[in-house]
Amino acid sequence: MNYHYIKYCFTSWLLIVGLLIATSASAQRISQADSKELERKEDTLTKLSGKMVFSESAADRFRSDSLFTRTFVRALKIKNAFYYPFDSLNISKLYAPDSTFRIFTWQLKKDEYVYLQKGAIQMNTPDGSLKLFPLFDYSMFTPKPLDSVRSRNNWIGAIYYRIIAKEYNGKKYYTLLGFDDFSVSSNRKWMEVLHFNERGEPVFGGAMVSFKEDSVKRPVQARFNIEYKKEAKTFFNYDPEKDLIVFDHLISETNEPERKSTYIPDGDFEAFKWQNGQWVHVPRLEFDMKLKDGQFPQESTILDDAGNANEQRLEEASRKTMEREKGVQPATTAPPKKSASPRKKQ
């Protein structure tokens, strides 16, 4: 087995153990009575989050989402709830590496054409009170999602599975990697940089993504994404050993570069490196050995039934719900290629 891979796994394991110890110590700040109340609310929230993701009925999904949101806010209002992990919920939960905030994200399926991303940022307050920033997905109303700085009110929605902390000129930046069940025929993965302004409010994007080292120059972007065929499995994650965000190089399998739903990995990798307050594109990344998707330990958008991270769970759940609505037995393998369909977002 590759030495660097073993080292990567060991480093990731140490990080996870450290986070668990820190979470356990912090949980002591929650009183026994409040802890029991949070446990009771988590039981309710677990059932509701399951229904809003897996229910066959759109009406039931929307009703469960509404109840989940109200119940979740009430739970977060309990003193020091920031330290309660809510491990059993069918949503993504990420703590910032410096524990200044955590971010929750999930998605709501309206029908086979429309997915709505939902989210909220909970700040770590000195007195344990709730300071919450709800996130409102504005991406379906945005023709150019790559070229603008955004607030929580016009957020480009995604289900986040990784957060990377960086600093430049004394300012902290948090890079979020996320998944978007974009359309019937394609998915997207996003790289989004978050910081907080002088008023302590979240700001998404900025002049953060540079292509200055590419042979073909491109303008600086506020954020970055890849879009690819629904059935394709793509790698898009952070390698802490190399301090790079690594992702698959994609090509059209049908030689139709204008159709993102035909894009699949070709075995090569690209990357972004942090340089002077920007993520600078690396057009081609060389490894000692080629790594297939799944060989890097990956954080997940959602937990499986055993409580293990599983990035594909959200994609599979969405597909199975779609198949049930059509009266089709859920497939155990990847479904056949679908024809191009109306997209959720433009």
Protein backbone atom coordinates (compact mmCIF):
# COMPACT_ATOMS: atom_id res chain seq x y z
CA MET A 1 0.00 0.00 0.00
CA ASN A 2 1.26 3.49 -0.83
CA TYR A 3 3.11 5.12 2.12
CA HIS A 4 1.59 8.55 1.51
CA TYR A 5 -1.90 7.06 1.51
CA ILE A 6 -1.26 5.30 4.85
CA LYS A 7 0.08 8.57 6.28
CA TYR A 8 -3.00 10.43 4.99
CA CYS A 9 -5.34 7.89 6.64
CA PHE A 10 -3.45 8.09 9.95
CA THR A 11 -3.48 11.90 9.92
CA SER A 12 -7.22 11.93 9.18
CA TRP A 13 -7.82 9.44 12.02
CA LEU A 14 -5.89 11.61 14.49
CA LEU A 15 -7.93 14.64 13.42
CA ILE A 16 -11.21 12.79 13.94
CA VAL A 17 -10.12 11.53 17.39
CA GLY A 18 -9.08 15.05 18.36
CA LEU A 19 -12.44 16.46 17.29
CA LEU A 20 -14.31 13.76 19.24
CA ILE A 21 -12.30 14.52 22.39
CA ALA A 22 -12.88 18.25 21.97
CA THR A 23 -16.60 17.71 21.40
CA SER A 24 -16.86 15.48 24.49
CA ALA A 25 -15.12 18.06 26.66
CA SER A 26 -17.26 20.90 25.31
CA ALA A 27 -20.44 18.92 25.84
CA GLN A 28 -19.85 19.22 29.58
CA ARG A 29 -20.93 22.85 29.23
CA ILE A 30 -24.51 21.69 28.59
CA SER A 31 -26.46 21.14 31.81
CA GLN A 32 -27.91 17.72 32.48
CA ALA A 33 -31.49 18.98 32.12
CA ASP A 34 -30.72 20.74 28.84
CA SER A 35 -28.89 17.68 27.56
CA LYS A 36 -31.95 15.51 28.14
CA GLU A 37 -34.17 18.09 26.43
CA LEU A 38 -31.83 18.15 23.43
CA GLU A 39 -31.92 14.36 23.27
CA ARG A 40 -35.74 14.43 23.21
CA LYS A 41 -35.73 17.02 20.45
CA GLU A 42 -33.13 15.07 18.49
CA ASP A 43 -35.42 12.02 18.49
CA THR A 44 -38.15 14.12 16.88
CA LEU A 45 -35.73 15.80 14.49
CA THR A 46 -34.29 12.46 13.37
CA LYS A 47 -37.73 11.22 12.30
CA LEU A 48 -38.55 14.49 10.55
CA SER A 49 -35.22 14.67 8.75
CA GLY A 50 -35.70 11.12 7.52
CA LYS A 51 -39.13 11.98 6.12
CA MET A 52 -37.98 15.17 4.41
CA VAL A 53 -35.27 13.22 2.59
CA PHE A 54 -36.84 9.80 1.97
CA SER A 55 -40.61 10.27 1.88
CA GLU A 56 -42.26 9.35 -1.44
CA SER A 57 -44.78 12.20 -1.16
CA ALA A 58 -43.66 15.74 -2.02
CA ALA A 59 -46.31 17.14 0.34
CA ASP A 60 -44.96 15.00 3.18
CA ARG A 61 -41.38 16.09 2.40
CA PHE A 62 -42.32 19.78 2.50
CA ARG A 63 -44.42 19.38 5.65
CA SER A 64 -41.59 17.48 7.38
CA ASP A 65 -39.08 20.15 6.32
CA SER A 66 -41.25 22.91 7.78
CA LEU A 67 -41.68 21.05 11.08
CA PHE A 68 -38.00 20.13 11.13
CA THR A 69 -36.89 23.76 10.68
CA ARG A 70 -39.11 25.09 13.48
CA THR A 71 -38.16 22.27 15.87
CA PHE A 72 -34.48 22.61 15.04
CA VAL A 73 -34.43 26.35 15.78
CA ARG A 74 -36.14 25.69 19.14
CA ALA A 75 -33.48 23.08 19.94
CA LEU A 76 -30.63 25.42 18.98
CA LYS A 77 -32.03 28.06 21.35
CA ILE A 78 -31.19 25.84 24.32
CA LYS A 79 -28.13 27.22 26.12
CA ASN A 80 -24.82 25.89 24.76
CA ALA A 81 -26.61 23.82 22.11
CA PHE A 82 -23.65 24.72 19.86
CA TYR A 83 -21.79 21.84 21.51
CA TYR A 84 -24.55 19.28 20.95
CA PRO A 85 -23.61 17.21 17.85
CA PHE A 86 -27.07 16.12 16.54
CA ASP A 87 -25.32 13.08 15.09
CA SER A 88 -28.44 11.19 14.04
CA LEU A 89 -29.93 13.84 11.74
CA ASN A 90 -30.07 13.24 7.97
CA ILE A 91 -28.37 16.55 7.21
CA SER A 92 -24.78 17.77 6.82
CA LYS A 93 -23.17 19.23 9.96
CA LEU A 94 -19.70 20.78 9.77
CA TYR A 95 -17.78 22.58 12.53
CA ALA A 96 -15.24 25.22 11.51
CA PRO A 97 -11.71 24.01 12.38
CA ASP A 98 -11.38 26.89 14.87
CA SER A 99 -14.85 26.15 16.34
CA THR A 100 -16.08 29.70 15.73
CA PHE A 101 -19.20 28.41 13.94
CA ARG A 102 -20.84 25.36 12.45
CA ILE A 103 -22.86 25.09 9.28
CA PHE A 104 -25.88 22.89 8.57
CA THR A 105 -27.02 22.11 5.02
CA TRP A 106 -29.60 19.83 3.48
CA GLN A 107 -31.79 19.65 0.39
CA LEU A 108 -35.49 19.35 -0.29
CA LYS A 109 -36.75 17.57 -3.40
CA LYS A 110 -39.76 19.28 -4.95
CA ASP A 111 -39.99 16.96 -7.96
CA GLU A 112 -37.62 15.25 -10.36
CA TYR A 113 -36.60 18.63 -11.84
CA VAL A 114 -36.24 20.84 -8.75
CA TYR A 115 -34.11 20.50 -5.63
CA LEU A 116 -34.01 23.27 -3.05
CA GLN A 117 -30.95 23.65 -0.84
CA LYS A 118 -31.46 24.74 2.76
CA GLY A 119 -28.94 25.82 5.35
CA ALA A 120 -27.97 27.81 8.43
CA ILE A 121 -24.80 28.99 10.17
CA GLN A 122 -24.73 28.80 13.98
CA MET A 123 -22.12 30.99 15.67
CA ASN A 124 -20.26 29.98 18.82
CA THR A 125 -21.30 32.68 21.31
CA PRO A 126 -19.53 33.34 24.65
CA ASP A 127 -22.74 33.09 26.69
CA GLY A 128 -24.14 30.03 24.90
CA SER A 129 -27.08 31.93 23.36
CA LEU A 130 -28.24 31.37 19.80
CA LYS A 131 -26.85 33.46 16.96
CA LEU A 132 -28.11 31.93 13.72
CA PHE A 133 -27.84 32.98 10.08
CA PRO A 134 -30.41 31.17 7.88
CA LEU A 135 -29.22 30.61 4.29
CA PHE A 136 -31.60 31.17 1.38
CA ASP A 137 -30.84 29.39 -1.89
CA TYR A 138 -31.04 31.91 -4.73
CA SER A 139 -29.26 29.86 -7.39
CA MET A 140 -32.32 29.09 -9.51
CA PHE A 141 -32.73 32.84 -10.07
CA THR A 142 -29.06 33.41 -10.94
CA PRO A 143 -27.83 33.15 -14.56
CA LYS A 144 -24.17 33.69 -13.57
CA PRO A 145 -23.45 32.08 -10.19
CA LEU A 146 -19.65 32.26 -10.57
CA ASP A 147 -19.15 36.02 -10.78
CA SER A 148 -20.65 37.62 -7.68
CA VAL A 149 -20.11 38.12 -3.95
CA ARG A 150 -23.17 36.95 -2.05
CA SER A 151 -24.84 37.21 1.35
CA ARG A 152 -26.92 34.66 3.22
CA ASN A 153 -29.98 36.01 1.39
CA ASN A 154 -28.78 35.03 -2.10
CA TRP A 155 -26.62 32.01 -1.33
CA ILE A 156 -25.62 29.49 -4.02
CA GLY A 157 -26.97 26.35 -2.36
CA ALA A 158 -24.96 23.17 -1.81
CA ILE A 159 -24.71 20.31 0.67
CA TYR A 160 -21.31 20.85 2.25
CA TYR A 161 -19.05 17.92 3.07
CA ARG A 162 -15.70 19.62 3.79
CA ILE A 163 -14.45 22.86 5.34
CA ILE A 164 -10.88 24.18 5.07
CA ALA A 165 -9.57 27.09 7.16
CA LYS A 166 -7.04 29.55 5.70
CA GLU A 167 -5.76 32.99 6.68
CA TYR A 168 -4.43 35.93 4.67
CA ASN A 169 -3.40 39.37 5.92
CA GLY A 170 -4.87 38.56 9.32
CA LYS A 171 -8.28 37.63 7.90
CA LYS A 172 -9.82 34.17 8.18
CA TYR A 173 -11.31 32.39 5.20
CA TYR A 174 -13.26 29.13 5.26
CA THR A 175 -13.45 27.14 2.03
CA LEU A 176 -16.53 24.95 1.71
CA LEU A 177 -16.76 21.97 -0.64
CA GLY A 178 -20.28 20.85 -1.45
CA PHE A 179 -22.57 18.72 -3.58
CA ASP A 180 -25.55 19.93 -5.64
CA ASP A 181 -28.13 17.53 -7.12
CA PHE A 182 -28.35 20.00 -9.97
CA SER A 183 -30.66 18.43 -12.56
CA VAL A 184 -32.10 15.16 -13.78
CA SER A 185 -29.06 14.54 -15.98
CA SER A 186 -26.15 16.17 -14.10
CA ASN A 187 -24.68 16.91 -10.68
CA ARG A 188 -22.42 19.71 -9.52
CA LYS A 189 -19.73 20.02 -6.88
CA TRP A 190 -18.86 23.46 -5.55
CA MET A 191 -15.90 25.24 -4.00
CA GLU A 192 -17.14 28.26 -2.04
CA VAL A 193 -15.07 30.63 0.14
CA LEU A 194 -16.79 32.05 3.22
CA HIS A 195 -15.65 34.88 5.45
CA PHE A 196 -17.33 37.20 7.96
CA ASN A 197 -17.48 40.96 7.44
CA GLU A 198 -16.88 43.72 10.01
CA ARG A 199 -20.47 43.26 11.26
CA GLY A 200 -19.89 39.54 11.80
CA GLU A 201 -22.18 38.57 8.92
CA PRO A 202 -21.35 35.73 6.49
CA VAL A 203 -20.08 36.66 3.02
CA PHE A 204 -19.79 34.08 0.24
CA GLY A 205 -17.30 34.45 -2.60
CA GLY A 206 -15.06 37.28 -3.73
CA ALA A 207 -11.97 37.47 -5.95
CA MET A 208 -10.98 34.06 -4.61
CA VAL A 209 -10.47 31.73 -7.61
CA SER A 210 -7.59 32.53 -9.97
CA PHE A 211 -6.43 30.94 -13.23
CA LYS A 212 -3.29 33.08 -13.58
CA GLU A 213 -1.02 30.06 -14.11
CA ASP A 214 -3.15 28.55 -16.90
CA SER A 215 -1.93 28.80 -20.49
CA VAL A 216 -5.41 30.00 -21.46
CA LYS A 217 -6.23 32.90 -19.16
CA ARG A 218 -9.63 33.16 -17.51
CA PRO A 219 -11.10 35.92 -15.34
CA VAL A 220 -10.93 35.62 -11.57
CA GLN A 221 -14.08 33.93 -10.24
CA ALA A 222 -16.05 34.30 -7.02
CA ARG A 223 -16.44 30.52 -6.70
CA PHE A 224 -15.83 27.35 -8.71
CA ASN A 225 -17.75 24.23 -9.69
CA ILE A 226 -17.58 21.10 -11.79
CA GLU A 227 -20.66 19.69 -13.51
CA TYR A 228 -20.79 16.10 -14.67
CA LYS A 229 -22.95 13.18 -15.78
CA LYS A 230 -25.45 12.02 -13.16
CA GLU A 231 -24.13 8.48 -13.01
CA ALA A 232 -20.44 9.46 -12.91
CA LYS A 233 -18.46 9.31 -9.67
CA THR A 234 -16.11 12.25 -9.27
CA PHE A 235 -13.42 13.16 -6.77
CA PHE A 236 -13.42 16.72 -5.38
CA ASN A 237 -11.80 17.05 -1.95
CA TYR A 238 -8.95 18.49 0.08
CA ASP A 239 -5.59 16.73 0.46
CA PRO A 240 -4.04 18.13 3.70
CA GLU A 241 -0.68 16.48 3.04
CA LYS A 242 -0.24 18.37 -0.23
CA ASP A 243 -2.38 21.32 0.95
CA LEU A 244 -4.35 21.14 -2.30
CA ILE A 245 -7.97 20.89 -3.31
CA VAL A 246 -7.86 18.01 -5.81
CA PHE A 247 -10.54 17.16 -8.36
CA ASP A 248 -11.06 15.01 -11.44
CA HIS A 249 -10.31 16.39 -14.88
CA LEU A 250 -13.52 15.91 -16.87
CA ILE A 251 -14.16 15.33 -20.57
CA SER A 252 -17.30 14.77 -22.64
CA GLU A 253 -17.72 11.06 -23.31
CA THR A 254 -19.70 11.92 -26.47
CA ASN A 255 -17.41 14.74 -27.67
CA GLU A 256 -20.14 17.31 -26.90
CA PRO A 257 -18.36 19.82 -24.63
CA GLU A 258 -21.44 22.07 -24.50
CA ARG A 259 -23.40 19.28 -22.74
CA LYS A 260 -22.16 19.04 -19.16
CA SER A 261 -24.37 16.00 -18.61
CA THR A 262 -21.92 14.00 -20.76
CA TYR A 263 -18.83 14.85 -18.67
CA ILE A 264 -16.94 12.04 -16.93
CA PRO A 265 -13.45 11.72 -15.32
CA ASP A 266 -10.62 10.81 -17.71
CA GLY A 267 -8.11 9.67 -15.07
CA ASP A 268 -6.20 12.94 -14.76
CA PHE A 269 -6.44 15.41 -11.89
CA GLU A 270 -6.52 19.19 -11.49
CA ALA A 271 -6.10 21.13 -8.28
CA PHE A 272 -6.19 24.47 -6.48
CA LYS A 273 -3.38 25.74 -4.25
CA TRP A 274 -3.76 28.52 -1.66
CA GLN A 275 -1.57 31.46 -2.64
CA ASN A 276 -1.74 35.07 -1.43
CA GLY A 277 -5.40 34.89 -0.43
CA GLN A 278 -6.63 33.06 -3.52
CA TRP A 279 -7.11 29.52 -4.70
CA VAL A 280 -4.87 29.33 -7.79
CA HIS A 281 -5.70 26.70 -10.40
CA VAL A 282 -3.19 23.92 -11.13
CA PRO A 283 -4.16 22.63 -14.61
CA ARG A 284 -2.57 19.20 -14.24
CA LEU A 285 -1.58 17.41 -11.05
CA GLU A 286 1.01 14.64 -11.03
CA PHE A 287 0.80 11.84 -8.46
CA ASP A 288 3.36 9.19 -7.65
CA MET A 289 0.55 6.79 -8.51
CA LYS A 290 -2.89 7.46 -9.98
CA LEU A 291 -5.61 7.37 -7.35
CA LYS A 292 -9.13 6.36 -8.18
CA ASP A 293 -12.16 7.92 -6.52
CA GLY A 294 -12.63 6.44 -3.07
CA GLN A 295 -8.94 5.92 -2.27
CA PHE A 296 -8.80 9.19 -0.36
CA PRO A 297 -10.78 9.18 2.90
CA GLN A 298 -13.74 11.46 2.19
CA GLU A 299 -16.00 13.44 4.46
CA SER A 300 -19.66 13.14 3.71
CA THR A 301 -22.75 15.20 3.16
CA ILE A 302 -24.83 12.77 5.19
CA LEU A 303 -24.47 9.80 7.53
CA ASP A 304 -25.54 6.26 6.74
CA ASP A 305 -27.63 4.06 9.06
CA ALA A 306 -24.50 2.96 10.94
CA GLY A 307 -23.42 6.54 11.52
CA ASN A 308 -20.58 6.32 9.01
CA ALA A 309 -19.74 9.03 6.51
CA ASN A 310 -21.02 8.24 3.03
CA GLU A 311 -20.87 10.97 0.39
CA GLN A 312 -22.98 8.97 -2.09
CA ARG A 313 -25.91 8.51 0.33
CA LEU A 314 -27.57 11.78 -0.59
CA GLU A 315 -27.28 11.11 -4.33
CA GLU A 316 -28.66 7.58 -3.95
CA ALA A 317 -31.52 8.72 -1.70
CA SER A 318 -32.58 11.34 -4.22
CA ARG A 319 -32.46 8.85 -7.09
CA LYS A 320 -34.42 6.19 -5.19
CA THR A 321 -37.11 8.69 -4.23
CA MET A 322 -37.41 9.71 -7.88
CA GLU A 323 -37.71 6.07 -8.96
CA ARG A 324 -40.38 5.31 -6.35
CA GLU A 325 -42.45 8.26 -7.56
CA LYS A 326 -42.30 6.81 -11.06
CA GLY A 327 -43.26 3.35 -9.81
CA VAL A 328 -39.83 1.90 -10.60
CA GLN A 329 -38.06 -0.54 -8.30
CA PRO A 330 -34.96 1.27 -6.93
CA ALA A 331 -31.87 0.13 -8.78
CA THR A 332 -28.95 -1.46 -6.95
CA THR A 333 -26.53 -0.22 -9.59
CA ALA A 334 -26.21 3.04 -11.46
CA PRO A 335 -29.30 3.78 -13.60
CA PRO A 336 -28.99 4.03 -17.37
CA LYS A 337 -28.18 7.33 -19.00
CA LYS A 338 -31.08 9.78 -18.96
CA SER A 339 -31.95 12.18 -21.74
CA ALA A 340 -31.42 15.86 -21.22
CA SER A 341 -34.20 17.41 -19.12
CA PRO A 342 -35.06 20.87 -17.85
CA ARG A 343 -32.58 22.02 -15.25
CA LYS A 344 -33.27 23.31 -11.80
CA LYS A 345 -30.87 26.19 -12.24
CA GLN A 346 -29.67 28.25 -15.16
